[in-house]
C-alpha atoms as a PDB file:
ATOM      1  CA  MET A   1     -40.095 163.997 -15.134  1.00  0.00           C
ATOM      2  CA  LYS A   2     -37.987 167.006 -14.210  1.00  0.00           C
ATOM      3  CA  ARG A   3     -40.701 168.480 -12.128  1.00  0.00           C
ATOM      4  CA  TRP A   4     -41.199 165.138 -10.269  1.00  0.00           C
ATOM      5  CA  MET A   5     -37.331 164.903  -9.529  1.00  0.00           C
ATOM      6  CA  THR A   6     -37.139 168.625  -8.357  1.00  0.00           C
ATOM      7  CA  THR A   7     -40.174 167.989  -6.011  1.00  0.00           C
ATOM      8  CA  GLY A   8     -38.591 164.777  -4.708  1.00  0.00           C
ATOM      9  CA  ILE A   9     -35.212 166.583  -4.100  1.00  0.00           C
ATOM     10  CA  MET A  10     -37.021 169.300  -2.173  1.00  0.00           C
ATOM     11  CA  PHE A  11     -39.002 166.904  -0.103  1.00  0.00           C
ATOM     12  CA  SER A  12     -35.806 165.025   0.858  1.00  0.00           C
ATOM     13  CA  ALA A  13     -34.127 168.337   1.778  1.00  0.00           C
ATOM     14  CA  MET A  14     -37.078 169.278   3.974  1.00  0.00           C
ATOM     15  CA  ALA A  15     -37.117 165.939   5.630  1.00  0.00           C
ATOM     16  CA  LEU A  16     -33.501 166.071   6.429  1.00  0.00           C
ATOM     17  CA  ALA A  17     -33.856 169.543   7.783  1.00  0.00           C
ATOM     18  CA  PHE A  18     -36.679 168.310  10.018  1.00  0.00           C
ATOM     19  CA  LEU A  19     -34.349 165.480  11.355  1.00  0.00           C
ATOM     20  CA  LEU A  20     -31.406 167.792  12.296  1.00  0.00           C
ATOM     21  CA  VAL A  21     -31.456 168.483  15.907  1.00  0.00           C
ATOM     22  CA  GLY A  22     -28.944 171.229  15.375  1.00  0.00           C
ATOM     23  CA  CYS A  23     -31.596 173.006  13.209  1.00  0.00           C
ATOM     24  CA  GLU A  24     -34.046 173.420  15.945  1.00  0.00           C
ATOM     25  CA  GLY A  25     -35.012 177.068  16.988  1.00  0.00           C
ATOM     26  CA  ASP A  26     -37.622 178.935  19.158  1.00  0.00           C
ATOM     27  CA  GLN A  27     -40.120 178.561  16.316  1.00  0.00           C
ATOM     28  CA  GLY A  28     -39.376 174.870  15.559  1.00  0.00           C
ATOM     29  CA  PRO A  29     -37.221 173.006  13.114  1.00  0.00           C
ATOM     30  CA  ALA A  30     -38.812 175.091  10.182  1.00  0.00           C
ATOM     31  CA  GLY A  31     -38.552 178.447  11.867  1.00  0.00           C
ATOM     32  CA  PRO A  32     -36.150 181.238  11.036  1.00  0.00           C
ATOM     33  CA  PRO A  33     -33.701 180.445  13.809  1.00  0.00           C
ATOM     34  CA  GLY A  34     -33.467 176.936  12.342  1.00  0.00           C
ATOM     35  CA  THR A  35     -32.928 178.165   8.970  1.00  0.00           C
ATOM     36  CA  ALA A  36     -30.266 180.552  10.105  1.00  0.00           C
ATOM     37  CA  THR A  37     -28.416 177.684  11.607  1.00  0.00           C
ATOM     38  CA  CYS A  38     -28.509 175.637   8.463  1.00  0.00           C
ATOM     39  CA  MET A  39     -27.370 178.619   6.359  1.00  0.00           C
ATOM     40  CA  ASN A  40     -24.113 178.589   8.305  1.00  0.00           C
ATOM     41  CA  CYS A  41     -23.309 175.522   5.811  1.00  0.00           C
ATOM     42  CA  HIS A  42     -25.778 175.739   2.997  1.00  0.00           C
ATOM     43  CA  THR A  43     -25.015 179.252   1.695  1.00  0.00           C
ATOM     44  CA  ASN A  44     -24.425 180.104  -1.729  1.00  0.00           C
ATOM     45  CA  GLU A  45     -22.708 183.423  -1.043  1.00  0.00           C
ATOM     46  CA  TYR A  46     -19.496 184.227   0.787  1.00  0.00           C
ATOM     47  CA  ASP A  47     -20.267 186.085   4.049  1.00  0.00           C
ATOM     48  CA  ALA A  48     -17.592 186.618   6.596  1.00  0.00           C
ATOM     49  CA  GLU A  49     -20.234 186.905   9.351  1.00  0.00           C
ATOM     50  CA  LEU A  50     -21.163 183.260   8.968  1.00  0.00           C
ATOM     51  CA  ALA A  51     -19.490 180.608  11.047  1.00  0.00           C
ATOM     52  CA  ILE A  52     -18.819 178.527   8.131  1.00  0.00           C
ATOM     53  CA  SER A  53     -19.072 179.110   4.420  1.00  0.00           C
ATOM     54  CA  LEU A  54     -18.687 176.090   2.181  1.00  0.00           C
ATOM     55  CA  LEU A  55     -18.027 177.878  -1.059  1.00  0.00           C
ATOM     56  CA  PRO A  56     -14.417 179.025  -0.329  1.00  0.00           C
ATOM     57  CA  ILE A  57     -13.664 175.557   1.173  1.00  0.00           C
ATOM     58  CA  ARG A  58     -15.002 173.755  -1.883  1.00  0.00           C
ATOM     59  CA  THR A  59     -13.084 175.943  -4.093  1.00  0.00           C
ATOM     60  CA  GLU A  60      -9.938 175.104  -2.231  1.00  0.00           C
ATOM     61  CA  TYR A  61     -10.821 171.476  -2.339  1.00  0.00           C
ATOM     62  CA  GLU A  62     -11.197 171.685  -6.193  1.00  0.00           C
ATOM     63  CA  HIS A  63      -7.515 172.509  -6.472  1.00  0.00           C
ATOM     64  CA  SER A  64      -6.430 169.459  -4.341  1.00  0.00           C
ATOM     65  CA  LEU A  65      -5.049 166.216  -5.776  1.00  0.00           C
ATOM     66  CA  HIS A  66      -7.909 164.435  -4.033  1.00  0.00           C
ATOM     67  CA  ALA A  67     -10.390 166.214  -6.273  1.00  0.00           C
ATOM     68  CA  THR A  68      -8.389 166.098  -9.464  1.00  0.00           C
ATOM     69  CA  GLY A  69      -7.171 162.507  -9.251  1.00  0.00           C
ATOM     70  CA  GLU A  70      -8.779 159.678 -11.140  1.00  0.00           C
ATOM     71  CA  THR A  71      -8.317 156.724  -8.725  1.00  0.00           C
ATOM     72  CA  SER A  72     -11.973 156.454  -7.529  1.00  0.00           C
ATOM     73  CA  VAL A  73     -12.384 153.750 -10.086  1.00  0.00           C
ATOM     74  CA  ARG A  74     -10.276 151.404  -7.945  1.00  0.00           C
ATOM     75  CA  ASN A  75     -13.172 150.172  -5.924  1.00  0.00           C
ATOM     76  CA  ASP A  76     -12.412 146.516  -5.165  1.00  0.00           C
ATOM     77  CA  ALA A  77     -12.201 145.402  -1.536  1.00  0.00           C
ATOM     78  CA  SER A  78      -8.443 146.194  -1.050  1.00  0.00           C
ATOM     79  CA  CYS A  79      -8.618 149.510  -2.782  1.00  0.00           C
ATOM     80  CA  ALA A  80     -12.016 151.045  -1.910  1.00  0.00           C
ATOM     81  CA  ARG A  81     -10.992 151.778   1.668  1.00  0.00           C
ATOM     82  CA  CYS A  82      -8.985 154.747   0.556  1.00  0.00           C
ATOM     83  CA  HIS A  83      -9.923 155.505  -3.186  1.00  0.00           C
ATOM     84  CA  THR A  84     -13.818 155.815  -2.733  1.00  0.00           C
ATOM     85  CA  ASN A  85     -16.042 157.693  -0.572  1.00  0.00           C
ATOM     86  CA  GLU A  86     -18.161 154.784   0.394  1.00  0.00           C
ATOM     87  CA  GLY A  87     -15.251 152.371   1.065  1.00  0.00           C
ATOM     88  CA  PHE A  88     -13.605 154.904   3.315  1.00  0.00           C
ATOM     89  CA  GLN A  89     -16.860 155.444   5.374  1.00  0.00           C
ATOM     90  CA  HIS A  90     -17.366 151.664   5.612  1.00  0.00           C
ATOM     91  CA  TYR A  91     -13.741 151.071   6.864  1.00  0.00           C
ATOM     92  CA  VAL A  92     -13.958 153.748   9.378  1.00  0.00           C
ATOM     93  CA  ASN A  93     -17.415 152.579  10.673  1.00  0.00           C
ATOM     94  CA  THR A  94     -16.593 148.832  10.764  1.00  0.00           C
ATOM     95  CA  GLY A  95     -12.878 148.189  10.350  1.00  0.00           C
ATOM     96  CA  GLU A  96     -13.713 146.010   7.266  1.00  0.00           C
ATOM     97  CA  LEU A  97     -12.711 146.106   3.625  1.00  0.00           C
ATOM     98  CA  LYS A  98     -15.538 146.101   1.206  1.00  0.00           C
ATOM     99  CA  ALA A  99     -15.855 146.293  -2.492  1.00  0.00           C
ATOM    100  CA  VAL A 100     -17.962 149.226  -3.624  1.00  0.00           C
ATOM    101  CA  PRO A 101     -19.217 148.493  -7.289  1.00  0.00           C
ATOM    102  CA  PHE A 102     -21.002 151.973  -7.608  1.00  0.00           C
ATOM    103  CA  SER A 103     -18.455 154.222  -5.914  1.00  0.00           C
ATOM    104  CA  THR A 104     -18.189 157.910  -5.773  1.00  0.00           C
ATOM    105  CA  GLU A 105     -14.998 160.200  -5.384  1.00  0.00           C
ATOM    106  CA  ILE A 106     -13.485 161.320  -2.119  1.00  0.00           C
ATOM    107  CA  GLY A 107     -15.432 164.592  -1.129  1.00  0.00           C
ATOM    108  CA  CYS A 108     -16.611 166.515   1.832  1.00  0.00           C
ATOM    109  CA  PHE A 109     -18.617 163.849   3.534  1.00  0.00           C
ATOM    110  CA  THR A 110     -15.733 161.248   3.260  1.00  0.00           C
ATOM    111  CA  CYS A 111     -13.873 162.940   5.983  1.00  0.00           C
ATOM    112  CA  HIS A 112     -16.853 164.936   7.625  1.00  0.00           C
ATOM    113  CA  ALA A 113     -20.382 163.821   8.822  1.00  0.00           C
ATOM    114  CA  PRO A 114     -22.124 167.079   9.792  1.00  0.00           C
ATOM    115  CA  HIS A 115     -25.636 165.627   9.532  1.00  0.00           C
ATOM    116  CA  VAL A 116     -24.725 162.918  12.050  1.00  0.00           C
ATOM    117  CA  ASN A 117     -22.167 164.703  14.317  1.00  0.00           C
ATOM    118  CA  GLU A 118     -24.049 168.174  14.032  1.00  0.00           C
ATOM    119  CA  SER A 119     -20.563 169.622  13.531  1.00  0.00           C
ATOM    120  CA  PHE A 120     -17.644 169.429  10.995  1.00  0.00           C
ATOM    121  CA  GLU A 121     -15.599 167.257  13.184  1.00  0.00           C
ATOM    122  CA  VAL A 122     -13.624 164.737  11.168  1.00  0.00           C
ATOM    123  CA  ARG A 123     -14.604 161.131  11.206  1.00  0.00           C
ATOM    124  CA  VAL A 124     -11.323 159.869  12.678  1.00  0.00           C
ATOM    125  CA  THR A 125     -10.028 161.588  15.815  1.00  0.00           C
ATOM    126  CA  GLY A 126      -8.607 158.653  17.699  1.00  0.00           C
ATOM    127  CA  PRO A 127      -5.177 157.075  17.280  1.00  0.00           C
ATOM    128  CA  VAL A 128      -4.722 155.166  14.016  1.00  0.00           C
ATOM    129  CA  THR A 129      -2.856 151.836  13.747  1.00  0.00           C
ATOM    130  CA  ILE A 130      -0.222 151.771  11.086  1.00  0.00           C
ATOM    131  CA  THR A 131      -0.911 148.164  10.404  1.00  0.00           C
ATOM    132  CA  GLY A 132       1.834 145.954  12.039  1.00  0.00           C
ATOM    133  CA  MET A 133       4.114 148.817  12.478  1.00  0.00           C
ATOM    134  CA  GLY A 134       2.964 151.105  15.326  1.00  0.00           C
ATOM    135  CA  THR A 135       0.443 154.035  16.153  1.00  0.00           C
ATOM    136  CA  TYR A 136      -0.057 157.359  14.730  1.00  0.00           C
ATOM    137  CA  ASP A 137      -1.862 159.891  16.967  1.00  0.00           C
ATOM    138  CA  LYS A 138      -1.643 163.578  15.918  1.00  0.00           C
ATOM    139  CA  GLY A 139      -5.126 164.935  16.346  1.00  0.00           C
ATOM    140  CA  THR A 140      -7.208 165.658  13.457  1.00  0.00           C
ATOM    141  CA  SER A 141      -4.468 164.398  11.034  1.00  0.00           C
ATOM    142  CA  ASN A 142      -5.481 160.841  12.186  1.00  0.00           C
ATOM    143  CA  THR A 143      -7.972 161.091   9.489  1.00  0.00           C
ATOM    144  CA  CYS A 144      -5.137 161.473   6.918  1.00  0.00           C
ATOM    145  CA  ALA A 145      -3.185 158.681   8.382  1.00  0.00           C
ATOM    146  CA  THR A 146      -5.922 156.272   8.033  1.00  0.00           C
ATOM    147  CA  CYS A 147      -4.972 156.054   4.272  1.00  0.00           C
ATOM    148  CA  HIS A 148      -1.688 157.736   3.937  1.00  0.00           C
ATOM    149  CA  GLN A 149       0.222 154.899   5.446  1.00  0.00           C
ATOM    150  CA  ALA A 150       2.186 151.848   4.180  1.00  0.00           C
ATOM    151  CA  ARG A 151       0.425 148.475   3.719  1.00  0.00           C
ATOM    152  CA  MET A 152       1.953 145.353   5.208  1.00  0.00           C
ATOM    153  CA  ALA A 153       4.430 143.489   3.107  1.00  0.00           C
ATOM    154  CA  SER A 154       2.875 140.384   1.397  1.00  0.00           C
ATOM    155  CA  PRO A 155       4.437 138.081   1.790  1.00  0.00           C
ATOM    156  CA  ALA A 156       6.098 139.481   4.968  1.00  0.00           C
ATOM    157  CA  ILE A 157       9.952 139.786   5.306  1.00  0.00           C
ATOM    158  CA  PRO A 158      11.066 136.634   7.292  1.00  0.00           C
ATOM    159  CA  ALA A 159      13.304 136.555  10.214  1.00  0.00           C
ATOM    160  CA  SER A 160      15.919 134.500   8.639  1.00  0.00           C
ATOM    161  CA  GLY A 161      16.479 132.319   5.500  1.00  0.00           C
ATOM    162  CA  THR A 162      15.296 133.491   2.069  1.00  0.00           C
ATOM    163  CA  LEU A 163      11.868 134.460   0.439  1.00  0.00           C
ATOM    164  CA  GLU A 164      10.728 134.158  -3.122  1.00  0.00           C
ATOM    165  CA  ILE A 165       8.972 137.257  -4.533  1.00  0.00           C
ATOM    166  CA  THR A 166       6.865 136.703  -7.414  1.00  0.00           C
ATOM    167  CA  SER A 167       5.178 140.070  -7.838  1.00  0.00           C
ATOM    168  CA  ARG A 168       6.928 143.169  -9.076  1.00  0.00           C
ATOM    169  CA  ARG A 169       4.372 145.264  -6.846  1.00  0.00           C
ATOM    170  CA  TRP A 170       5.763 143.793  -3.583  1.00  0.00           C
ATOM    171  CA  GLY A 171       6.254 146.630  -1.129  1.00  0.00           C
ATOM    172  CA  PRO A 172       4.559 149.276   0.954  1.00  0.00           C
ATOM    173  CA  HIS A 173       2.335 150.645  -1.783  1.00  0.00           C
ATOM    174  CA  HIS A 174       1.865 154.491  -2.266  1.00  0.00           C
ATOM    175  CA  SER A 175       1.580 157.479  -0.002  1.00  0.00           C
ATOM    176  CA  CYS A 176       3.492 156.391   3.114  1.00  0.00           C
ATOM    177  CA  GLN A 177       3.633 159.875   4.506  1.00  0.00           C
ATOM    178  CA  SER A 178       2.311 159.065   8.026  1.00  0.00           C
ATOM    179  CA  ASN A 179       5.113 156.423   8.526  1.00  0.00           C
ATOM    180  CA  ILE A 180       7.770 158.925   7.741  1.00  0.00           C
ATOM    181  CA  LEU A 181       6.315 161.637   9.766  1.00  0.00           C
ATOM    182  CA  ALA A 182       5.776 159.324  12.716  1.00  0.00           C
ATOM    183  CA  GLY A 183       9.173 157.522  12.073  1.00  0.00           C
ATOM    184  CA  ILE A 184       7.833 154.155  12.058  1.00  0.00           C
ATOM    185  CA  GLY A 185       7.904 151.220   9.602  1.00  0.00           C
ATOM    186  CA  ALA A 186      11.259 151.191   8.047  1.00  0.00           C
ATOM    187  CA  TYR A 187      13.380 147.940   8.067  1.00  0.00           C
ATOM    188  CA  GLN A 188      16.281 148.101  10.548  1.00  0.00           C
ATOM    189  CA  PHE A 189      19.639 146.594   9.762  1.00  0.00           C
ATOM    190  CA  GLY A 190      21.256 145.391  12.971  1.00  0.00           C
ATOM    191  CA  ASP A 191      20.466 146.647  16.475  1.00  0.00           C
ATOM    192  CA  THR A 192      20.800 150.378  15.934  1.00  0.00           C
ATOM    193  CA  PRO A 193      17.603 152.196  15.803  1.00  0.00           C
ATOM    194  CA  TYR A 194      16.992 155.092  13.690  1.00  0.00           C
ATOM    195  CA  ARG A 195      16.890 158.514  15.166  1.00  0.00           C
ATOM    196  CA  ASN A 196      13.435 160.089  15.235  1.00  0.00           C
ATOM    197  CA  ASP A 197      13.576 163.429  16.884  1.00  0.00           C
ATOM    198  CA  ALA A 198      13.082 165.788  14.002  1.00  0.00           C
ATOM    199  CA  ALA A 199      10.975 168.872  14.664  1.00  0.00           C
ATOM    200  CA  HIS A 200       8.254 167.926  12.215  1.00  0.00           C
ATOM    201  CA  ASN A 201       7.824 164.603  14.001  1.00  0.00           C
ATOM    202  CA  SER A 202       6.736 166.460  17.206  1.00  0.00           C
ATOM    203  CA  ILE A 203       4.193 168.776  15.596  1.00  0.00           C
ATOM    204  CA  ALA A 204       0.897 167.918  17.638  1.00  0.00           C
ATOM    205  CA  LYS A 205      -1.445 168.362  14.564  1.00  0.00           C
ATOM    206  CA  GLY A 206       0.809 166.518  12.206  1.00  0.00           C
ATOM    207  CA  CYS A 207      -0.111 166.867   8.541  1.00  0.00           C
ATOM    208  CA  VAL A 208      -2.771 169.536   9.286  1.00  0.00           C
ATOM    209  CA  HIS A 209      -0.499 172.050  10.658  1.00  0.00           C
ATOM    210  CA  CYS A 210       1.313 172.562   7.421  1.00  0.00           C
ATOM    211  CA  HIS A 211      -0.945 171.221   4.668  1.00  0.00           C
ATOM    212  CA  MET A 212      -4.140 172.892   6.000  1.00  0.00           C
ATOM    213  CA  ALA A 213      -2.762 176.185   7.242  1.00  0.00           C
ATOM    214  CA  GLU A 214      -4.736 179.302   6.736  1.00  0.00           C
ATOM    215  CA  PRO A 215      -4.651 180.029   3.053  1.00  0.00           C
ATOM    216  CA  PRO A 216      -2.792 183.020   1.756  1.00  0.00           C
ATOM    217  CA  ASP A 217      -4.124 185.130  -1.038  1.00  0.00           C
ATOM    218  CA  ASP A 218      -3.276 182.322  -3.740  1.00  0.00           C
ATOM    219  CA  TYR A 219      -4.210 178.685  -3.453  1.00  0.00           C
ATOM    220  CA  ALA A 220      -2.250 176.876  -0.697  1.00  0.00           C
ATOM    221  CA  GLY A 221      -3.350 175.429   2.617  1.00  0.00           C
ATOM    222  CA  GLY A 222      -6.815 174.910   3.674  1.00  0.00           C
ATOM    223  CA  HIS A 223      -8.597 172.208   1.784  1.00  0.00           C
ATOM    224  CA  SER A 224      -6.377 172.452  -1.169  1.00  0.00           C
ATOM    225  CA  PHE A 225      -3.801 170.675   1.096  1.00  0.00           C
ATOM    226  CA  ALA A 226      -0.968 172.326  -0.811  1.00  0.00           C
ATOM    227  CA  VAL A 227       2.126 173.774   0.989  1.00  0.00           C
ATOM    228  CA  LEU A 228       3.380 175.684  -2.043  1.00  0.00           C
ATOM    229  CA  VAL A 229       1.698 178.876  -2.989  1.00  0.00           C
ATOM    230  CA  GLU A 230       0.003 178.344  -6.486  1.00  0.00           C
ATOM    231  CA  GLY A 231       1.964 180.060  -9.144  1.00  0.00           C
ATOM    232  CA  ALA A 232       4.957 181.160  -6.884  1.00  0.00           C
ATOM    233  CA  ASP A 233       8.151 179.736  -5.645  1.00  0.00           C
ATOM    234  CA  ALA A 234       6.928 180.264  -2.010  1.00  0.00           C
ATOM    235  CA  ILE A 235       5.721 178.362   0.868  1.00  0.00           C
ATOM    236  CA  ASN A 236       2.368 179.226   2.486  1.00  0.00           C
ATOM    237  CA  PRO A 237       3.449 181.792   5.111  1.00  0.00           C
ATOM    238  CA  ASN A 238       0.672 180.592   7.495  1.00  0.00           C
ATOM    239  CA  GLY A 239       2.281 177.045   7.593  1.00  0.00           C
ATOM    240  CA  CYS A 240       6.026 176.567   7.780  1.00  0.00           C
ATOM    241  CA  THR A 241       6.908 180.231   8.407  1.00  0.00           C
ATOM    242  CA  ASP A 242       4.306 180.943  11.100  1.00  0.00           C
ATOM    243  CA  GLY A 243       5.977 180.231  14.383  1.00  0.00           C
ATOM    244  CA  CYS A 244       8.228 177.385  13.480  1.00  0.00           C
ATOM    245  CA  HIS A 245      10.372 178.954  10.826  1.00  0.00           C
ATOM    246  CA  SER A 246       9.386 182.544  11.591  1.00  0.00           C
ATOM    247  CA  ASP A 247      13.002 183.821  10.576  1.00  0.00           C
ATOM    248  CA  TRP A 248      12.403 182.609   6.833  1.00  0.00           C
ATOM    249  CA  THR A 249      10.412 184.523   4.228  1.00  0.00           C
ATOM    250  CA  PRO A 250       8.018 182.238   2.105  1.00  0.00           C
ATOM    251  CA  GLU A 251      10.670 182.407  -0.700  1.00  0.00           C
ATOM    252  CA  GLU A 252      13.521 181.479   1.615  1.00  0.00           C
ATOM    253  CA  ALA A 253      11.348 178.616   3.052  1.00  0.00           C
ATOM    254  CA  PHE A 254      10.800 177.385  -0.683  1.00  0.00           C
ATOM    255  CA  THR A 255      14.562 177.466  -1.346  1.00  0.00           C
ATOM    256  CA  HIS A 256      15.433 175.613   1.693  1.00  0.00           C
ATOM    257  CA  VAL A 257      12.774 172.906   1.063  1.00  0.00           C
ATOM    258  CA  ARG A 258      13.823 172.511  -2.534  1.00  0.00           C
ATOM    259  CA  ASP A 259      17.545 172.207  -1.784  1.00  0.00           C
ATOM    260  CA  THR A 260      16.821 169.704   0.921  1.00  0.00           C
ATOM    261  CA  GLN A 261      14.640 167.740  -1.436  1.00  0.00           C
ATOM    262  CA  GLU A 262      17.080 167.803  -4.311  1.00  0.00           C
ATOM    263  CA  GLU A 263      20.071 166.543  -2.146  1.00  0.00           C
ATOM    264  CA  PHE A 264      17.897 163.685  -0.707  1.00  0.00           C
ATOM    265  CA  HIS A 265      16.512 162.692  -4.183  1.00  0.00           C
ATOM    266  CA  GLU A 266      20.082 162.447  -5.549  1.00  0.00           C
ATOM    267  CA  LYS A 267      21.111 160.070  -2.715  1.00  0.00           C
ATOM    268  CA  LEU A 268      17.870 158.051  -3.138  1.00  0.00           C
ATOM    269  CA  ALA A 269      18.465 157.866  -6.887  1.00  0.00           C
ATOM    270  CA  GLN A 270      21.910 156.517  -6.189  1.00  0.00           C
ATOM    271  CA  LEU A 271      20.481 153.702  -3.801  1.00  0.00           C
ATOM    272  CA  GLY A 272      17.913 152.782  -6.547  1.00  0.00           C
ATOM    273  CA  ALA A 273      20.689 152.680  -9.259  1.00  0.00           C
ATOM    274  CA  ASP A 274      22.841 150.488  -7.096  1.00  0.00           C
ATOM    275  CA  MET A 275      20.028 147.931  -6.445  1.00  0.00           C
ATOM    276  CA  GLN A 276      19.218 147.979 -10.255  1.00  0.00           C
ATOM    277  CA  ALA A 277      23.027 147.150 -10.853  1.00  0.00           C
ATOM    278  CA  LEU A 278      22.381 144.145  -8.540  1.00  0.00           C
ATOM    279  CA  GLY A 279      19.452 142.973 -10.394  1.00  0.00           C
ATOM    280  CA  TRP A 280      17.048 143.701  -7.695  1.00  0.00           C
ATOM    281  CA  MET A 281      14.750 146.377  -8.992  1.00  0.00           C
ATOM    282  CA  ASN A 282      13.946 148.782 -11.704  1.00  0.00           C
ATOM    283  CA  PRO A 283      13.504 152.268  -9.974  1.00  0.00           C
ATOM    284  CA  ASN A 284      11.994 153.709 -13.326  1.00  0.00           C
ATOM    285  CA  ALA A 285       9.352 150.995 -13.660  1.00  0.00           C
ATOM    286  CA  THR A 286       5.711 152.040 -13.805  1.00  0.00           C
ATOM    287  CA  ASN A 287       3.985 148.979 -12.631  1.00  0.00           C
ATOM    288  CA  GLY A 288       5.824 147.754  -9.576  1.00  0.00           C
ATOM    289  CA  PHE A 289       9.617 148.152  -8.943  1.00  0.00           C
ATOM    290  CA  VAL A 290      10.908 144.723  -7.595  1.00  0.00           C
ATOM    291  CA  ASN A 291      12.346 142.138  -9.945  1.00  0.00           C
ATOM    292  CA  PRO A 292      10.875 138.683  -8.998  1.00  0.00           C
ATOM    293  CA  GLY A 293      13.433 136.410  -7.368  1.00  0.00           C
ATOM    294  CA  THR A 294      14.801 134.998  -4.141  1.00  0.00           C
ATOM    295  CA  TYR A 295      16.042 137.480  -1.466  1.00  0.00           C
ATOM    296  CA  THR A 296      17.368 137.471   1.904  1.00  0.00           C
ATOM    297  CA  PRO A 297      15.509 139.419   4.754  1.00  0.00           C
ATOM    298  CA  ASP A 298      18.116 142.379   4.619  1.00  0.00           C
ATOM    299  CA  GLN A 299      17.899 142.499   0.755  1.00  0.00           C
ATOM    300  CA  LEU A 300      14.074 142.696   1.112  1.00  0.00           C
ATOM    301  CA  GLY A 301      14.678 145.321   3.741  1.00  0.00           C
ATOM    302  CA  ALA A 302      16.637 147.476   1.395  1.00  0.00           C
ATOM    303  CA  LEU A 303      13.838 147.082  -1.297  1.00  0.00           C
ATOM    304  CA  TRP A 304      11.172 148.099   1.181  1.00  0.00           C
ATOM    305  CA  ASN A 305      13.197 151.181   2.607  1.00  0.00           C
ATOM    306  CA  TRP A 306      13.864 152.533  -0.837  1.00  0.00           C
ATOM    307  CA  GLN A 307      10.079 152.418  -1.714  1.00  0.00           C
ATOM    308  CA  LEU A 308       8.968 153.692   1.601  1.00  0.00           C
ATOM    309  CA  LEU A 309      11.283 156.803   1.106  1.00  0.00           C
ATOM    310  CA  ASP A 310      10.255 157.283  -2.330  1.00  0.00           C
ATOM    311  CA  GLU A 311       6.467 156.890  -1.871  1.00  0.00           C
ATOM    312  CA  ASP A 312       6.647 159.441   0.968  1.00  0.00           C
ATOM    313  CA  PHE A 313       6.954 162.029  -1.889  1.00  0.00           C
ATOM    314  CA  SER A 314       8.345 164.601   0.608  1.00  0.00           C
ATOM    315  CA  GLY A 315      12.077 164.238  -0.205  1.00  0.00           C
ATOM    316  CA  SER A 316      12.663 163.641   3.532  1.00  0.00           C
ATOM    317  CA  VAL A 317      11.055 166.937   4.532  1.00  0.00           C
ATOM    318  CA  HIS A 318       8.381 165.308   6.719  1.00  0.00           C
ATOM    319  CA  ASN A 319      11.096 163.845   8.915  1.00  0.00           C
ATOM    320  CA  VAL A 320      14.485 164.719   7.802  1.00  0.00           C
ATOM    321  CA  ILE A 321      16.567 162.951  10.555  1.00  0.00           C
ATOM    322  CA  TYR A 322      14.591 159.691  10.333  1.00  0.00           C
ATOM    323  CA  ALA A 323      14.549 159.737   6.528  1.00  0.00           C
ATOM    324  CA  GLU A 324      18.369 160.390   6.375  1.00  0.00           C
ATOM    325  CA  ASP A 325      19.146 157.574   8.843  1.00  0.00           C
ATOM    326  CA  VAL A 326      17.129 155.038   6.887  1.00  0.00           C
ATOM    327  CA  LEU A 327      18.696 156.008   3.686  1.00  0.00           C
ATOM    328  CA  GLU A 328      22.206 155.942   5.022  1.00  0.00           C
ATOM    329  CA  ALA A 329      21.828 152.671   6.649  1.00  0.00           C
ATOM    330  CA  THR A 330      20.171 151.077   3.615  1.00  0.00           C
ATOM    331  CA  GLN A 331      22.934 152.495   1.218  1.00  0.00           C
ATOM    332  CA  GLU A 332      25.701 151.054   3.563  1.00  0.00           C
ATOM    333  CA  PHE A 333      24.183 147.579   3.337  1.00  0.00           C
ATOM    334  CA  VAL A 334      23.668 147.769  -0.440  1.00  0.00           C
ATOM    335  CA  THR A 335      27.239 149.056  -0.983  1.00  0.00           C
ATOM    336  CA  GLY A 336      28.494 146.009   1.031  1.00  0.00           C
ATOM    337  CA  GLN A 337      26.474 143.764  -1.193  1.00  0.00           C
ATOM    338  CA  MET A 338      28.016 145.248  -4.325  1.00  0.00           C
ATOM    339  CA  GLY A 339      31.622 144.946  -3.077  1.00  0.00           C
ATOM    340  CA  LEU A 340      32.681 148.345  -3.951  1.00  0.00           C
ATOM    341  CA  ARG A 341      30.995 151.797  -4.045  1.00  0.00           C
ATOM    342  CA  GLY A 342      29.992 153.099  -7.547  1.00  0.00           C
ATOM    343  CA  LEU A 343      29.476 149.866  -9.256  1.00  0.00           C
ATOM    344  CA  ALA A 344      26.030 151.282 -10.514  1.00  0.00           C
ATOM    345  CA  SER A 345      27.873 153.668 -12.677  1.00  0.00           C
ATOM    346  CA  ALA A 346      29.640 150.794 -14.449  1.00  0.00           C
ATOM    347  CA  HIS A 347      26.430 148.990 -14.993  1.00  0.00           C
ATOM    348  CA  ALA A 348      24.342 152.067 -16.220  1.00  0.00           C
ATOM    349  CA  GLY A 349      23.132 150.144 -19.172  1.00  0.00           C
ATOM    350  CA  ASN A 350      21.386 147.590 -17.049  1.00  0.00           C
ATOM    351  CA  GLN A 351      17.684 148.155 -17.351  1.00  0.00           C
ATOM    352  CA  LYS A 352      16.017 145.200 -15.891  1.00  0.00           C
END
């Protein structure tokens, strides 16, 4: 049985090599020139002379949250688009959602199609629609934005009147990074738009510039998608501190980011506590934050904005000016609803 399986795998590999136009050489698809081209990818040894060596890339990826997460079991039609390899490919190819009963985890071929494109170009290069909110267009990071975006509110926030919310899971869902980076999708109170001219917003490659920068000696950047250097209080020097923040050392960059995040998280926690005191939500819940009830559009907007900022996970760093504006406007509205600032402290025992 093992011999039959081995033979079958070898035959499939040979057939695939025959079909690859990029593997053709002077002596035909099976000739040495063709083999040399294939070995740019299919090598089990690291060789700096090769155009591409997959082993270091795969090692980086194994340190990423995409590789270590356990969400590929979420394979129904609404989840498979971003949680499974097959669901993502189907969505990118057709624009349709599809349940994938026998799904596999996100991996190399989720984002790349080398045997079709004859290159490692990502599957999504054109602008990505942030459903119902705007467009994200930042080069190769458009692939990231295909999934790392807020979902539509269901039911949607009405223009007037009130709306009954029956599910604790109402909101933008998880991982809204592209919304914050692009500065789109937050609920606006009144006619004053949020500022959106932060430096990170103008980075042409978006996510890729910082999260996939050239890796240093320790794991960060590349296909680990990490910004922090593993095992150190430092930012990848080939990302933030290369060009944009060249006057910072990796350690200074880490301190600046940490301080910015801590200050923002304190403000966001206060906003969540205030809305908890009003009986609208539980910011510490593990299965949806919103308390079912009847809400006005602005009240729903406040609940939406808190989740959008929280689920970005960057502590405002992706787009500091936009995030701060959204948080300040939302806090101002919520404080007005409470009647006086600091009511949350008097209701600290309220754990709805």
